[in-house]
Amino acid sequence: MVGPIVQMTQHSQVREPVPYVALLQHEKCEERLYPAGKWACVTKGEPLYEQSISLGFMKLMRYICKENSTGRYLGMTVPVVNEIRLSEEGSELLQDVTTSYYLPGEFQPNPPLPTDPDIRIEERPPLRILAR
């Protein structure tokens, strides 16, 4: 099988932007509200956040590039969201990082199932994020 990054670059499709409402413009980022929808998500808890983000993203890329119940390329959406949570006390960051990919519009009603058991499909409420 061709690697997921190579396969993605072979498709000349434009990345589908997830619709959002800009809420606030900060000096180095923008606060945005994304709509409710279905996301493919994977959570990793590696020693470094960068490792968790990289491993999670590669798993999602394989899902996007044919490792799904349809066996076809799903198309890329932007942004891919990385989520790090605070402890219940709010005093420290938890080790787990959830990397999420918003499913393209055509797959929102009926998302392809992942072949990787680490990937789950979640129906998420509207999501408020900071984007660079």
Protein backbone atom coordinates (compact mmCIF):
# COMPACT_ATOMS: atom_id res chain seq x y z
CA MET A 1 0.00 0.00 0.00
CA VAL A 2 1.18 3.50 -0.82
CA GLY A 3 1.90 5.62 2.28
CA PRO A 4 -0.95 7.89 3.40
CA ILE A 5 0.87 11.17 2.76
CA VAL A 6 1.94 10.08 -0.75
CA GLN A 7 -1.58 8.90 -1.49
CA MET A 8 -3.11 12.15 -0.28
CA THR A 9 -0.83 14.20 -2.51
CA GLN A 10 -1.83 12.07 -5.52
CA HIS A 11 -5.39 13.37 -5.18
CA SER A 12 -5.74 16.82 -6.68
CA GLN A 13 -8.81 17.53 -4.57
CA VAL A 14 -9.00 20.77 -2.67
CA ARG A 15 -9.16 20.53 1.10
CA GLU A 16 -12.72 21.10 2.28
CA PRO A 17 -12.76 23.83 4.93
CA VAL A 18 -15.06 23.15 7.86
CA PRO A 19 -17.55 26.03 8.08
CA TYR A 20 -17.08 28.22 11.14
CA VAL A 21 -18.00 31.55 12.68
CA ALA A 22 -15.10 33.81 13.72
CA LEU A 23 -15.76 34.99 17.28
CA LEU A 24 -12.67 36.96 18.32
CA GLN A 25 -9.38 37.91 16.72
CA HIS A 26 -6.46 37.74 19.16
CA GLU A 27 -2.88 38.84 18.50
CA LYS A 28 -1.62 35.39 17.47
CA CYS A 29 -4.80 33.35 16.98
CA GLU A 30 -8.48 33.47 16.15
CA GLU A 31 -11.30 32.13 18.30
CA ARG A 32 -13.75 30.16 16.15
CA LEU A 33 -17.02 28.29 16.58
CA TYR A 34 -17.35 25.14 14.47
CA PRO A 35 -20.74 23.46 13.93
CA ALA A 36 -21.93 20.23 15.48
CA GLY A 37 -20.99 17.25 13.36
CA LYS A 38 -19.27 13.92 13.06
CA TRP A 39 -15.54 13.70 13.68
CA ALA A 40 -13.09 10.79 13.43
CA CYS A 41 -11.04 10.90 16.64
CA VAL A 42 -8.03 9.12 18.10
CA THR A 43 -6.54 9.62 21.56
CA LYS A 44 -2.88 8.94 22.32
CA GLY A 45 -0.93 9.36 25.56
CA GLU A 46 2.73 9.31 24.53
CA PRO A 47 5.49 10.85 26.71
CA LEU A 48 5.64 13.97 24.51
CA TYR A 49 2.59 15.83 23.15
CA GLU A 50 4.26 16.04 19.73
CA GLN A 51 4.49 12.23 19.60
CA SER A 52 0.80 11.84 20.46
CA ILE A 53 -0.19 14.41 17.83
CA SER A 54 1.99 12.79 15.16
CA LEU A 55 0.82 9.22 15.87
CA GLY A 56 -2.82 10.30 16.07
CA PHE A 57 -2.59 12.23 12.81
CA MET A 58 -0.97 9.30 10.98
CA LYS A 59 -3.75 6.98 12.14
CA LEU A 60 -6.34 9.46 10.86
CA MET A 61 -4.48 9.79 7.54
CA ARG A 62 -4.68 6.03 7.02
CA TYR A 63 -8.44 6.22 7.72
CA ILE A 64 -8.80 9.08 5.21
CA CYS A 65 -6.68 7.22 2.61
CA LYS A 66 -8.75 4.02 2.26
CA GLU A 67 -8.46 2.24 5.63
CA ASN A 68 -12.21 2.57 6.14
CA SER A 69 -15.34 0.53 5.37
CA THR A 70 -15.71 2.09 1.89
CA GLY A 71 -12.10 1.38 0.92
CA ARG A 72 -11.85 4.78 -0.74
CA TYR A 73 -10.13 8.12 -0.22
CA LEU A 74 -12.45 10.31 1.86
CA GLY A 75 -10.98 13.74 1.16
CA MET A 76 -9.25 16.09 3.56
CA THR A 77 -10.90 18.74 5.69
CA VAL A 78 -9.21 21.56 7.56
CA PRO A 79 -8.50 22.12 10.33
CA VAL A 80 -7.45 18.94 12.11
CA VAL A 81 -8.02 19.63 15.80
CA ASN A 82 -5.69 18.61 18.65
CA GLU A 83 -7.28 18.67 22.08
CA ILE A 84 -5.42 18.64 25.40
CA ARG A 85 -7.48 18.67 28.58
CA LEU A 86 -6.89 19.96 32.10
CA SER A 87 -7.05 17.80 35.22
CA GLU A 88 -10.27 17.99 37.25
CA GLU A 89 -8.57 20.46 39.58
CA GLY A 90 -7.59 22.56 36.58
CA SER A 91 -4.01 22.70 37.81
CA GLU A 92 -2.21 20.60 35.18
CA LEU A 93 -2.47 19.33 31.63
CA LEU A 94 -3.39 15.68 31.15
CA GLN A 95 -1.06 13.49 29.08
CA ASP A 96 -3.69 12.35 26.56
CA VAL A 97 -4.09 14.24 23.27
CA THR A 98 -7.17 13.73 21.09
CA THR A 99 -6.61 14.41 17.38
CA SER A 100 -9.83 14.89 15.40
CA TYR A 101 -10.76 15.11 11.72
CA TYR A 102 -14.13 16.59 10.68
CA LEU A 103 -15.73 14.25 8.17
CA PRO A 104 -16.41 15.82 4.75
CA GLY A 105 -19.99 16.90 4.05
CA GLU A 106 -20.85 13.89 1.90
CA PHE A 107 -19.96 11.54 4.80
CA GLN A 108 -21.65 13.46 7.63
CA PRO A 109 -24.95 11.52 7.36
CA ASN A 110 -23.29 8.09 7.18
CA PRO A 111 -19.57 8.04 8.13
CA PRO A 112 -17.40 5.18 6.85
CA LEU A 113 -16.35 2.92 9.70
CA PRO A 114 -12.64 2.89 10.57
CA THR A 115 -10.74 -0.39 10.28
CA ASP A 116 -8.41 0.73 13.10
CA PRO A 117 -10.04 0.08 16.51
CA ASP A 118 -8.20 3.12 17.97
CA ILE A 119 -10.29 5.45 15.78
CA ARG A 120 -13.81 6.31 16.86
CA ILE A 121 -16.52 8.34 15.15
CA GLU A 122 -18.04 10.95 17.48
CA GLU A 123 -21.05 13.19 17.07
CA ARG A 124 -19.77 16.35 18.71
CA PRO A 125 -21.67 19.47 19.75
CA PRO A 126 -20.54 22.85 18.39
CA LEU A 127 -16.84 23.26 19.12
CA ARG A 128 -15.11 26.48 20.21
CA ILE A 129 -11.41 26.47 19.34
CA LEU A 130 -8.38 28.72 19.01
CA ALA A 131 -6.77 28.58 15.55
CA ARG A 132 -3.41 29.94 14.42
